[in-house]
Amino acid sequence: MTPIIIIALVVILGWYFVSTQRDLVSKDELCKNAMSQISVQLNSRWDAILALAKMAAQYSQHESETIIKAVEARRVNNVTTAREAEVQQGEINNLWSRLMAVAESYPDLKAADLFKDAMGGVKQYEENVRLARQVYNDTATKMNRIVRQFPSSIVASMLHFNVQEYLKIDDEKKSQYPNLDEAFKK
């Protein structure tokens, strides 16, 4: 082989390596950003649930104090992995169920305009979380394709980029979260 061909191959391989590394870093940062957005939306939901619990305190001091303490104890400010997001989702679902049980016990609370407005806020945050989860999973798919496809998988392996975990909601988790639309109808 002539030196020009060898140099050309080295340049092409070097260009490919650098290009793939930059693509991997870009996708990795997009995944981190998407997870950060989920974290922000989960924190907003925690705030909305805490506000509802404080409103419920006017009707049921003991039950509301328990929920408020649970919100403050279980809340995590930064969610950085799919597993942490799933755990936070489960915690929110459990506390939401308890809060709705308190609201069902006090029809005046459930009928209060301020409580209805706060529930509307929780519904909006739920939608925001759903959209953020979708963005994360779409971004993780793009990252995973690069990490798993040949020949970029070689570069990913050399640079220690790994497949991103997807966020999942199984049927059991879906049924744990009460339908907010139903709560407004009652």
N, C-alpha and C. Protein backbone atom coordinates (compact mmCIF):
# COMPACT_ATOMS: atom_id res chain seq x y z
N MET A 1 0.85 -1.19 0.00
CA MET A 1 0.00 0.00 0.00
C MET A 1 0.89 1.25 0.00
N THR A 2 0.41 2.20 -0.66
CA THR A 2 1.20 3.42 -0.73
C THR A 2 0.93 4.27 0.51
N PRO A 3 1.87 5.09 0.87
CA PRO A 3 1.69 5.95 2.06
C PRO A 3 0.46 6.86 1.95
N ILE A 4 0.11 7.28 0.77
CA ILE A 4 -1.06 8.16 0.60
C ILE A 4 -2.34 7.42 0.97
N ILE A 5 -2.45 6.17 0.59
CA ILE A 5 -3.64 5.37 0.93
C ILE A 5 -3.70 5.15 2.44
N ILE A 6 -2.57 4.85 3.06
CA ILE A 6 -2.53 4.63 4.52
C ILE A 6 -2.93 5.92 5.24
N ILE A 7 -2.37 7.04 4.81
CA ILE A 7 -2.71 8.33 5.43
C ILE A 7 -4.20 8.62 5.24
N ALA A 8 -4.73 8.37 4.05
CA ALA A 8 -6.15 8.60 3.78
C ALA A 8 -7.03 7.73 4.68
N LEU A 9 -6.67 6.46 4.87
CA LEU A 9 -7.43 5.57 5.76
C LEU A 9 -7.37 6.05 7.21
N VAL A 10 -6.20 6.48 7.65
CA VAL A 10 -6.06 6.98 9.02
C VAL A 10 -6.92 8.24 9.21
N VAL A 11 -6.90 9.12 8.22
CA VAL A 11 -7.70 10.35 8.30
C VAL A 11 -9.19 10.00 8.32
N ILE A 12 -9.62 9.09 7.47
CA ILE A 12 -11.03 8.70 7.43
C ILE A 12 -11.45 8.05 8.75
N LEU A 13 -10.64 7.13 9.27
CA LEU A 13 -10.96 6.50 10.56
C LEU A 13 -10.96 7.52 11.69
N GLY A 14 -10.00 8.44 11.66
CA GLY A 14 -9.96 9.50 12.69
C GLY A 14 -11.19 10.38 12.61
N TRP A 15 -11.56 10.76 11.39
CA TRP A 15 -12.76 11.59 11.21
C TRP A 15 -13.99 10.84 11.71
N TYR A 16 -14.11 9.56 11.38
CA TYR A 16 -15.26 8.77 11.81
C TYR A 16 -15.30 8.68 13.34
N PHE A 17 -14.17 8.42 13.96
CA PHE A 17 -14.10 8.31 15.41
C PHE A 17 -14.55 9.62 16.07
N VAL A 18 -13.99 10.73 15.62
CA VAL A 18 -14.34 12.04 16.19
C VAL A 18 -15.82 12.36 15.94
N SER A 19 -16.29 12.11 14.74
CA SER A 19 -17.68 12.37 14.40
C SER A 19 -18.63 11.54 15.26
N THR A 20 -18.32 10.27 15.43
CA THR A 20 -19.16 9.40 16.25
C THR A 20 -19.12 9.81 17.72
N GLN A 21 -17.94 10.17 18.20
CA GLN A 21 -17.81 10.62 19.60
C GLN A 21 -18.67 11.86 19.83
N ARG A 22 -18.63 12.80 18.92
CA ARG A 22 -19.42 14.02 19.04
C ARG A 22 -20.92 13.71 19.01
N ASP A 23 -21.32 12.78 18.17
CA ASP A 23 -22.73 12.38 18.10
C ASP A 23 -23.16 11.70 19.40
N LEU A 24 -22.30 10.84 19.93
CA LEU A 24 -22.60 10.17 21.20
C LEU A 24 -22.73 11.18 22.34
N VAL A 25 -21.82 12.13 22.41
CA VAL A 25 -21.88 13.15 23.45
C VAL A 25 -23.15 13.98 23.31
N SER A 26 -23.48 14.34 22.08
CA SER A 26 -24.69 15.12 21.83
C SER A 26 -25.94 14.38 22.30
N LYS A 27 -26.05 13.12 21.92
CA LYS A 27 -27.23 12.33 22.31
C LYS A 27 -27.26 12.10 23.83
N ASP A 28 -26.09 11.87 24.43
CA ASP A 28 -26.01 11.68 25.87
C ASP A 28 -26.49 12.94 26.60
N GLU A 29 -26.08 14.09 26.13
CA GLU A 29 -26.52 15.35 26.74
C GLU A 29 -28.02 15.57 26.55
N LEU A 30 -28.54 15.19 25.40
CA LEU A 30 -29.98 15.29 25.18
C LEU A 30 -30.75 14.39 26.14
N CYS A 31 -30.22 13.19 26.40
CA CYS A 31 -30.85 12.29 27.37
C CYS A 31 -30.83 12.90 28.77
N LYS A 32 -29.70 13.47 29.14
CA LYS A 32 -29.60 14.11 30.47
C LYS A 32 -30.55 15.28 30.57
N ASN A 33 -30.65 16.07 29.51
CA ASN A 33 -31.56 17.20 29.51
C ASN A 33 -33.00 16.75 29.63
N ALA A 34 -33.36 15.71 28.89
CA ALA A 34 -34.73 15.19 28.95
C ALA A 34 -35.06 14.67 30.35
N MET A 35 -34.10 14.00 30.99
CA MET A 35 -34.32 13.51 32.35
C MET A 35 -34.44 14.69 33.31
N SER A 36 -33.68 15.73 33.08
CA SER A 36 -33.77 16.93 33.91
C SER A 36 -35.15 17.56 33.79
N GLN A 37 -35.71 17.56 32.59
CA GLN A 37 -37.06 18.09 32.39
C GLN A 37 -38.10 17.27 33.16
N ILE A 38 -37.91 15.97 33.18
CA ILE A 38 -38.80 15.11 33.97
C ILE A 38 -38.69 15.48 35.44
N SER A 39 -37.47 15.68 35.90
CA SER A 39 -37.24 16.05 37.29
C SER A 39 -37.95 17.36 37.64
N VAL A 40 -37.85 18.34 36.76
CA VAL A 40 -38.51 19.63 36.98
C VAL A 40 -40.02 19.43 37.07
N GLN A 41 -40.58 18.66 36.16
CA GLN A 41 -42.03 18.45 36.16
C GLN A 41 -42.49 17.65 37.38
N LEU A 42 -41.69 16.66 37.78
CA LEU A 42 -42.05 15.90 39.00
C LEU A 42 -42.03 16.82 40.22
N ASN A 43 -41.06 17.71 40.30
CA ASN A 43 -41.01 18.65 41.42
C ASN A 43 -42.21 19.58 41.41
N SER A 44 -42.64 19.98 40.24
CA SER A 44 -43.83 20.82 40.14
C SER A 44 -45.06 20.06 40.64
N ARG A 45 -45.13 18.78 40.31
CA ARG A 45 -46.25 17.95 40.80
C ARG A 45 -46.20 17.81 42.31
N TRP A 46 -45.00 17.61 42.84
CA TRP A 46 -44.87 17.54 44.30
C TRP A 46 -45.39 18.83 44.93
N ASP A 47 -45.01 19.98 44.36
CA ASP A 47 -45.46 21.27 44.89
C ASP A 47 -46.99 21.38 44.84
N ALA A 48 -47.57 20.96 43.72
CA ALA A 48 -49.03 21.04 43.57
C ALA A 48 -49.73 20.11 44.57
N ILE A 49 -49.20 18.93 44.77
CA ILE A 49 -49.81 17.99 45.73
C ILE A 49 -49.66 18.53 47.14
N LEU A 50 -48.51 19.13 47.45
CA LEU A 50 -48.31 19.73 48.77
C LEU A 50 -49.31 20.86 48.99
N ALA A 51 -49.55 21.67 47.97
CA ALA A 51 -50.54 22.76 48.08
C ALA A 51 -51.93 22.19 48.33
N LEU A 52 -52.28 21.11 47.64
CA LEU A 52 -53.58 20.48 47.88
C LEU A 52 -53.67 19.93 49.29
N ALA A 53 -52.59 19.33 49.76
CA ALA A 53 -52.59 18.78 51.12
C ALA A 53 -52.76 19.90 52.16
N LYS A 54 -52.15 21.03 51.91
CA LYS A 54 -52.30 22.16 52.83
C LYS A 54 -53.73 22.69 52.82
N MET A 55 -54.37 22.68 51.65
CA MET A 55 -55.77 23.08 51.59
C MET A 55 -56.64 22.08 52.35
N ALA A 56 -56.33 20.81 52.19
CA ALA A 56 -57.10 19.77 52.88
C ALA A 56 -56.92 19.86 54.39
N ALA A 57 -55.83 20.47 54.83
CA ALA A 57 -55.56 20.59 56.27
C ALA A 57 -56.66 21.36 56.98
N GLN A 58 -57.32 22.24 56.27
CA GLN A 58 -58.42 23.00 56.88
C GLN A 58 -59.60 22.09 57.23
N TYR A 59 -59.70 20.96 56.55
CA TYR A 59 -60.82 20.05 56.76
C TYR A 59 -60.45 18.87 57.64
N SER A 60 -59.24 18.40 57.50
CA SER A 60 -58.81 17.22 58.24
C SER A 60 -57.34 17.40 58.63
N GLN A 61 -57.14 17.98 59.79
CA GLN A 61 -55.79 18.33 60.24
C GLN A 61 -54.87 17.12 60.31
N HIS A 62 -55.30 16.04 60.95
CA HIS A 62 -54.42 14.89 61.15
C HIS A 62 -54.04 14.22 59.83
N GLU A 63 -55.04 13.93 58.99
CA GLU A 63 -54.76 13.26 57.72
C GLU A 63 -53.87 14.12 56.82
N SER A 64 -54.14 15.41 56.79
CA SER A 64 -53.37 16.30 55.94
C SER A 64 -51.94 16.46 56.43
N GLU A 65 -51.75 16.56 57.73
CA GLU A 65 -50.39 16.65 58.28
C GLU A 65 -49.58 15.42 57.92
N THR A 66 -50.22 14.26 57.96
CA THR A 66 -49.54 13.02 57.58
C THR A 66 -49.11 13.07 56.12
N ILE A 67 -50.00 13.54 55.26
CA ILE A 67 -49.67 13.63 53.83
C ILE A 67 -48.57 14.67 53.60
N ILE A 68 -48.68 15.81 54.26
CA ILE A 68 -47.66 16.86 54.11
C ILE A 68 -46.29 16.33 54.53
N LYS A 69 -46.24 15.64 55.66
CA LYS A 69 -44.96 15.07 56.12
C LYS A 69 -44.45 14.04 55.12
N ALA A 70 -45.34 13.25 54.57
CA ALA A 70 -44.93 12.24 53.58
C ALA A 70 -44.38 12.90 52.32
N VAL A 71 -45.03 13.98 51.87
CA VAL A 71 -44.54 14.69 50.68
C VAL A 71 -43.14 15.22 50.94
N GLU A 72 -42.96 15.86 52.08
CA GLU A 72 -41.66 16.44 52.38
C GLU A 72 -40.58 15.37 52.56
N ALA A 73 -40.94 14.22 53.09
CA ALA A 73 -39.95 13.16 53.32
C ALA A 73 -39.58 12.40 52.06
N ARG A 74 -40.52 12.23 51.16
CA ARG A 74 -40.30 11.37 49.99
C ARG A 74 -39.85 12.10 48.74
N ARG A 75 -39.94 13.38 48.77
CA ARG A 75 -39.60 14.18 47.59
C ARG A 75 -38.09 14.17 47.36
N VAL A 76 -37.71 13.96 46.11
CA VAL A 76 -36.31 14.02 45.70
C VAL A 76 -36.20 15.17 44.70
N ASN A 77 -35.24 16.07 44.92
CA ASN A 77 -35.14 17.24 44.07
C ASN A 77 -34.63 16.95 42.67
N ASN A 78 -33.66 16.06 42.53
CA ASN A 78 -33.10 15.77 41.21
C ASN A 78 -33.25 14.30 40.87
N VAL A 79 -33.92 14.04 39.80
CA VAL A 79 -34.06 12.69 39.27
C VAL A 79 -33.08 12.59 38.11
N THR A 80 -32.17 11.61 38.19
CA THR A 80 -31.13 11.51 37.16
C THR A 80 -31.17 10.21 36.37
N THR A 81 -31.98 9.26 36.81
CA THR A 81 -32.06 7.99 36.09
C THR A 81 -33.53 7.61 35.89
N ALA A 82 -33.75 6.71 34.95
CA ALA A 82 -35.10 6.23 34.69
C ALA A 82 -35.67 5.56 35.94
N ARG A 83 -34.85 4.82 36.65
CA ARG A 83 -35.30 4.13 37.87
C ARG A 83 -35.76 5.13 38.93
N GLU A 84 -34.98 6.20 39.13
CA GLU A 84 -35.38 7.22 40.10
C GLU A 84 -36.69 7.88 39.70
N ALA A 85 -36.88 8.11 38.40
CA ALA A 85 -38.13 8.71 37.92
C ALA A 85 -39.30 7.78 38.20
N GLU A 86 -39.10 6.48 38.00
CA GLU A 86 -40.16 5.51 38.28
C GLU A 86 -40.51 5.48 39.77
N VAL A 87 -39.50 5.54 40.62
CA VAL A 87 -39.72 5.54 42.07
C VAL A 87 -40.52 6.78 42.47
N GLN A 88 -40.10 7.95 41.94
CA GLN A 88 -40.81 9.18 42.26
C GLN A 88 -42.26 9.13 41.78
N GLN A 89 -42.47 8.58 40.59
CA GLN A 89 -43.82 8.45 40.07
C GLN A 89 -44.67 7.60 41.01
N GLY A 90 -44.12 6.50 41.49
CA GLY A 90 -44.84 5.64 42.42
C GLY A 90 -45.18 6.35 43.72
N GLU A 91 -44.22 7.12 44.24
CA GLU A 91 -44.46 7.87 45.48
C GLU A 91 -45.57 8.90 45.28
N ILE A 92 -45.53 9.60 44.16
CA ILE A 92 -46.56 10.59 43.87
C ILE A 92 -47.93 9.91 43.75
N ASN A 93 -47.98 8.79 43.08
CA ASN A 93 -49.25 8.06 42.92
C ASN A 93 -49.82 7.65 44.26
N ASN A 94 -48.98 7.14 45.15
CA ASN A 94 -49.45 6.73 46.48
C ASN A 94 -49.99 7.91 47.27
N LEU A 95 -49.26 9.02 47.28
CA LEU A 95 -49.72 10.19 48.03
C LEU A 95 -50.96 10.80 47.39
N TRP A 96 -51.02 10.76 46.05
CA TRP A 96 -52.21 11.28 45.38
C TRP A 96 -53.44 10.49 45.79
N SER A 97 -53.32 9.18 45.86
CA SER A 97 -54.45 8.34 46.26
C SER A 97 -54.91 8.69 47.68
N ARG A 98 -53.95 8.89 48.57
CA ARG A 98 -54.30 9.25 49.95
C ARG A 98 -54.98 10.61 50.00
N LEU A 99 -54.48 11.56 49.23
CA LEU A 99 -55.07 12.90 49.21
C LEU A 99 -56.48 12.86 48.65
N MET A 100 -56.70 12.07 47.61
CA MET A 100 -58.04 11.96 47.03
C MET A 100 -59.00 11.29 48.00
N ALA A 101 -58.50 10.38 48.81
CA ALA A 101 -59.35 9.76 49.84
C ALA A 101 -59.81 10.81 50.84
N VAL A 102 -58.92 11.72 51.22
CA VAL A 102 -59.30 12.81 52.13
C VAL A 102 -60.33 13.70 51.45
N ALA A 103 -60.12 14.04 50.18
CA ALA A 103 -61.06 14.91 49.46
C ALA A 103 -62.43 14.26 49.35
N GLU A 104 -62.46 12.94 49.13
CA GLU A 104 -63.75 12.23 49.05
C GLU A 104 -64.50 12.29 50.38
N SER A 105 -63.78 12.33 51.48
CA SER A 105 -64.39 12.37 52.80
C SER A 105 -64.99 13.74 53.12
N TYR A 106 -64.56 14.75 52.40
CA TYR A 106 -65.00 16.12 52.68
C TYR A 106 -65.52 16.77 51.39
N PRO A 107 -66.80 16.60 51.09
CA PRO A 107 -67.36 17.14 49.85
C PRO A 107 -67.19 18.66 49.71
N ASP A 108 -67.20 19.37 50.85
CA ASP A 108 -67.00 20.83 50.77
C ASP A 108 -65.61 21.16 50.25
N LEU A 109 -64.64 20.39 50.65
CA LEU A 109 -63.27 20.60 50.17
C LEU A 109 -63.22 20.35 48.67
N LYS A 110 -63.79 19.24 48.25
CA LYS A 110 -63.75 18.86 46.84
C LYS A 110 -64.50 19.88 45.97
N ALA A 111 -65.50 20.54 46.54
CA ALA A 111 -66.29 21.52 45.79
C ALA A 111 -65.66 22.90 45.79
N ALA A 112 -64.68 23.15 46.65
CA ALA A 112 -64.06 24.48 46.74
C ALA A 112 -63.33 24.83 45.45
N ASP A 113 -63.55 26.06 44.99
CA ASP A 113 -62.94 26.51 43.73
C ASP A 113 -61.42 26.46 43.78
N LEU A 114 -60.85 26.85 44.90
CA LEU A 114 -59.39 26.84 45.04
C LEU A 114 -58.86 25.41 44.91
N PHE A 115 -59.55 24.46 45.50
CA PHE A 115 -59.15 23.06 45.42
C PHE A 115 -59.28 22.56 43.98
N LYS A 116 -60.36 22.93 43.30
CA LYS A 116 -60.54 22.54 41.90
C LYS A 116 -59.44 23.12 41.02
N ASP A 117 -59.09 24.39 41.27
CA ASP A 117 -58.01 25.01 40.50
C ASP A 117 -56.69 24.30 40.72
N ALA A 118 -56.42 23.95 41.98
CA ALA A 118 -55.18 23.24 42.30
C ALA A 118 -55.17 21.86 41.64
N MET A 119 -56.32 21.19 41.61
CA MET A 119 -56.40 19.89 40.94
C MET A 119 -56.15 20.04 39.44
N GLY A 120 -56.64 21.14 38.87
CA GLY A 120 -56.37 21.42 37.46
C GLY A 120 -54.87 21.60 37.22
N GLY A 121 -54.19 22.23 38.18
CA GLY A 121 -52.74 22.37 38.09
C GLY A 121 -52.04 21.03 38.13
N VAL A 122 -52.51 20.14 39.01
CA VAL A 122 -51.93 18.80 39.08
C VAL A 122 -52.15 18.06 37.76
N LYS A 123 -53.33 18.23 37.19
CA LYS A 123 -53.63 17.59 35.91
C LYS A 123 -52.68 18.09 34.82
N GLN A 124 -52.41 19.40 34.81
CA GLN A 124 -51.48 19.96 33.82
C GLN A 124 -50.07 19.43 34.05
N TYR A 125 -49.64 19.34 35.29
CA TYR A 125 -48.30 18.82 35.58
C TYR A 125 -48.19 17.36 35.17
N GLU A 126 -49.28 16.61 35.35
CA GLU A 126 -49.29 15.21 34.93
C GLU A 126 -49.07 15.11 33.42
N GLU A 127 -49.74 15.99 32.68
CA GLU A 127 -49.58 16.02 31.23
C GLU A 127 -48.14 16.42 30.86
N ASN A 128 -47.59 17.39 31.58
CA ASN A 128 -46.21 17.81 31.32
C ASN A 128 -45.22 16.67 31.58
N VAL A 129 -45.46 15.92 32.64
CA VAL A 129 -44.59 14.77 32.93
C VAL A 129 -44.72 13.73 31.83
N ARG A 130 -45.93 13.48 31.39
CA ARG A 130 -46.14 12.50 30.31
C ARG A 130 -45.38 12.90 29.05
N LEU A 131 -45.46 14.17 28.70
CA LEU A 131 -44.74 14.65 27.51
C LEU A 131 -43.23 14.59 27.71
N ALA A 132 -42.76 14.95 28.89
CA ALA A 132 -41.32 14.90 29.18
C ALA A 132 -40.82 13.46 29.14
N ARG A 133 -41.62 12.52 29.62
CA ARG A 133 -41.24 11.11 29.56
C ARG A 133 -41.15 10.64 28.11
N GLN A 134 -42.07 11.10 27.29
CA GLN A 134 -42.06 10.74 25.87
C GLN A 134 -40.81 11.28 25.19
N VAL A 135 -40.45 12.53 25.48
CA VAL A 135 -39.24 13.13 24.91
C VAL A 135 -38.01 12.34 25.35
N TYR A 136 -37.98 11.97 26.64
CA TYR A 136 -36.83 11.21 27.14
C TYR A 136 -36.71 9.87 26.40
N ASN A 137 -37.82 9.14 26.29
CA ASN A 137 -37.76 7.84 25.63
C ASN A 137 -37.37 7.97 24.15
N ASP A 138 -37.86 9.01 23.48
CA ASP A 138 -37.46 9.24 22.09
C ASP A 138 -35.96 9.51 21.99
N THR A 139 -35.46 10.33 22.90
CA THR A 139 -34.03 10.65 22.92
C THR A 139 -33.20 9.43 23.27
N ALA A 140 -33.66 8.64 24.22
CA ALA A 140 -32.94 7.41 24.59
C ALA A 140 -32.90 6.45 23.41
N THR A 141 -33.96 6.39 22.63
CA THR A 141 -33.97 5.53 21.44
C THR A 141 -32.88 5.94 20.47
N LYS A 142 -32.75 7.23 20.23
CA LYS A 142 -31.71 7.72 19.32
C LYS A 142 -30.32 7.38 19.85
N MET A 143 -30.13 7.58 21.15
CA MET A 143 -28.84 7.26 21.77
C MET A 143 -28.55 5.76 21.67
N ASN A 144 -29.54 4.96 21.97
CA ASN A 144 -29.36 3.51 21.97
C ASN A 144 -29.04 2.97 20.59
N ARG A 145 -29.61 3.58 19.57
CA ARG A 145 -29.29 3.14 18.21
C ARG A 145 -27.81 3.34 17.91
N ILE A 146 -27.29 4.47 18.29
CA ILE A 146 -25.87 4.74 18.03
C ILE A 146 -24.99 3.80 18.85
N VAL A 147 -25.36 3.59 20.11
CA VAL A 147 -24.55 2.74 20.99
C VAL A 147 -24.57 1.29 20.53
N ARG A 148 -25.67 0.83 19.94
CA ARG A 148 -25.80 -0.58 19.58
C ARG A 148 -25.45 -0.91 18.14
N GLN A 149 -25.53 0.06 17.24
CA GLN A 149 -25.29 -0.23 15.82
C GLN A 149 -23.80 -0.27 15.50
N PHE A 150 -23.45 -1.22 14.63
CA PHE A 150 -22.08 -1.32 14.15
C PHE A 150 -21.91 -0.33 13.02
N PRO A 151 -20.84 0.35 12.90
CA PRO A 151 -19.58 0.33 13.64
C PRO A 151 -19.51 1.34 14.79
N SER A 152 -20.58 2.16 14.95
CA SER A 152 -20.53 3.15 16.05
C SER A 152 -20.48 2.48 17.42
N SER A 153 -20.96 1.23 17.51
CA SER A 153 -20.91 0.51 18.78
C SER A 153 -19.46 0.31 19.26
N ILE A 154 -18.54 0.21 18.33
CA ILE A 154 -17.12 0.06 18.70
C ILE A 154 -16.63 1.33 19.38
N VAL A 155 -16.95 2.47 18.80
CA VAL A 155 -16.54 3.75 19.39
C VAL A 155 -17.23 3.94 20.73
N ALA A 156 -18.54 3.64 20.79
CA ALA A 156 -19.28 3.78 22.04
C ALA A 156 -18.68 2.93 23.14
N SER A 157 -18.32 1.71 22.82
CA SER A 157 -17.71 0.82 23.79
C SER A 157 -16.36 1.36 24.26
N MET A 158 -15.55 1.83 23.32
CA MET A 158 -14.24 2.37 23.67
C MET A 158 -14.35 3.58 24.59
N LEU A 159 -15.40 4.37 24.41
CA LEU A 159 -15.58 5.60 25.18
C LEU A 159 -16.53 5.43 26.36
N HIS A 160 -16.96 4.20 26.60
CA HIS A 160 -17.81 3.83 27.75
C HIS A 160 -19.18 4.51 27.72
N PHE A 161 -19.77 4.62 26.54
CA PHE A 161 -21.16 5.06 26.43
C PHE A 161 -22.02 3.81 26.49
N ASN A 162 -23.09 3.88 27.27
CA ASN A 162 -23.96 2.73 27.47
C ASN A 162 -25.37 3.01 26.96
N VAL A 163 -26.11 1.93 26.79
CA VAL A 163 -27.52 2.02 26.41
C VAL A 163 -28.27 2.71 27.55
N GLN A 164 -29.17 3.61 27.20
CA GLN A 164 -29.99 4.32 28.18
C GLN A 164 -31.21 3.48 28.53
N GLU A 165 -31.59 3.51 29.78
CA GLU A 165 -32.77 2.79 30.25
C GLU A 165 -34.02 3.57 29.86
N TYR A 166 -35.04 2.85 29.41
CA TYR A 166 -36.30 3.49 29.05
C TYR A 166 -37.19 3.63 30.27
N LEU A 167 -38.05 4.63 30.23
CA LEU A 167 -39.09 4.79 31.25
C LEU A 167 -40.27 3.95 30.83
N LYS A 168 -40.83 3.21 31.76
CA LYS A 168 -41.96 2.32 31.45
C LYS A 168 -43.09 2.58 32.43
N ILE A 169 -44.29 2.40 31.94
CA ILE A 169 -45.45 2.38 32.82
C ILE A 169 -46.24 1.15 32.44
N ASP A 170 -46.30 0.21 33.36
CA ASP A 170 -47.07 -0.99 33.07
C ASP A 170 -48.52 -0.77 33.46
N ASP A 171 -49.36 -1.74 33.13
CA ASP A 171 -50.79 -1.61 33.40
C ASP A 171 -51.09 -1.44 34.88
N GLU A 172 -50.31 -2.09 35.73
CA GLU A 172 -50.53 -1.97 37.18
C GLU A 172 -50.30 -0.53 37.63
N LYS A 173 -49.24 0.09 37.16
CA LYS A 173 -48.95 1.47 37.54
C LYS A 173 -50.01 2.42 36.99
N LYS A 174 -50.48 2.16 35.77
CA LYS A 174 -51.51 3.02 35.18
C LYS A 174 -52.77 3.00 36.04
N SER A 175 -53.11 1.84 36.55
CA SER A 175 -54.34 1.73 37.34
C SER A 175 -54.17 2.33 38.74
N GLN A 176 -52.92 2.51 39.20
CA GLN A 176 -52.71 3.08 40.53
C GLN A 176 -53.00 4.58 40.54
N TYR A 177 -52.85 5.24 39.41
CA TYR A 177 -53.03 6.68 39.37
C TYR A 177 -54.47 7.01 39.01
N PRO A 178 -55.18 7.63 39.91
CA PRO A 178 -56.58 7.93 39.65
C PRO A 178 -56.74 8.87 38.46
N ASN A 179 -57.79 8.68 37.72
CA ASN A 179 -58.08 9.51 36.57
C ASN A 179 -58.58 10.86 37.07
N LEU A 180 -57.84 11.91 36.76
CA LEU A 180 -58.20 13.24 37.24
C LEU A 180 -59.52 13.70 36.64
N ASP A 181 -59.81 13.30 35.40
CA ASP A 181 -61.09 13.70 34.80
C ASP A 181 -62.25 13.16 35.61
N GLU A 182 -62.13 11.94 36.08
CA GLU A 182 -63.19 11.34 36.91
C GLU A 182 -63.34 12.11 38.22
N ALA A 183 -62.23 12.57 38.78
CA ALA A 183 -62.28 13.30 40.05
C ALA A 183 -63.05 14.62 39.86
N PHE A 184 -62.97 15.24 38.69
CA PHE A 184 -63.68 16.48 38.45
C PHE A 184 -65.17 16.26 38.27
N LYS A 185 -65.57 15.09 37.79
CA LYS A 185 -66.98 14.82 37.52
C LYS A 185 -67.78 14.64 38.80
N LYS A 186 -67.13 14.15 39.84
CA LYS A 186 -67.86 13.82 41.07
C LYS A 186 -68.22 15.05 41.87
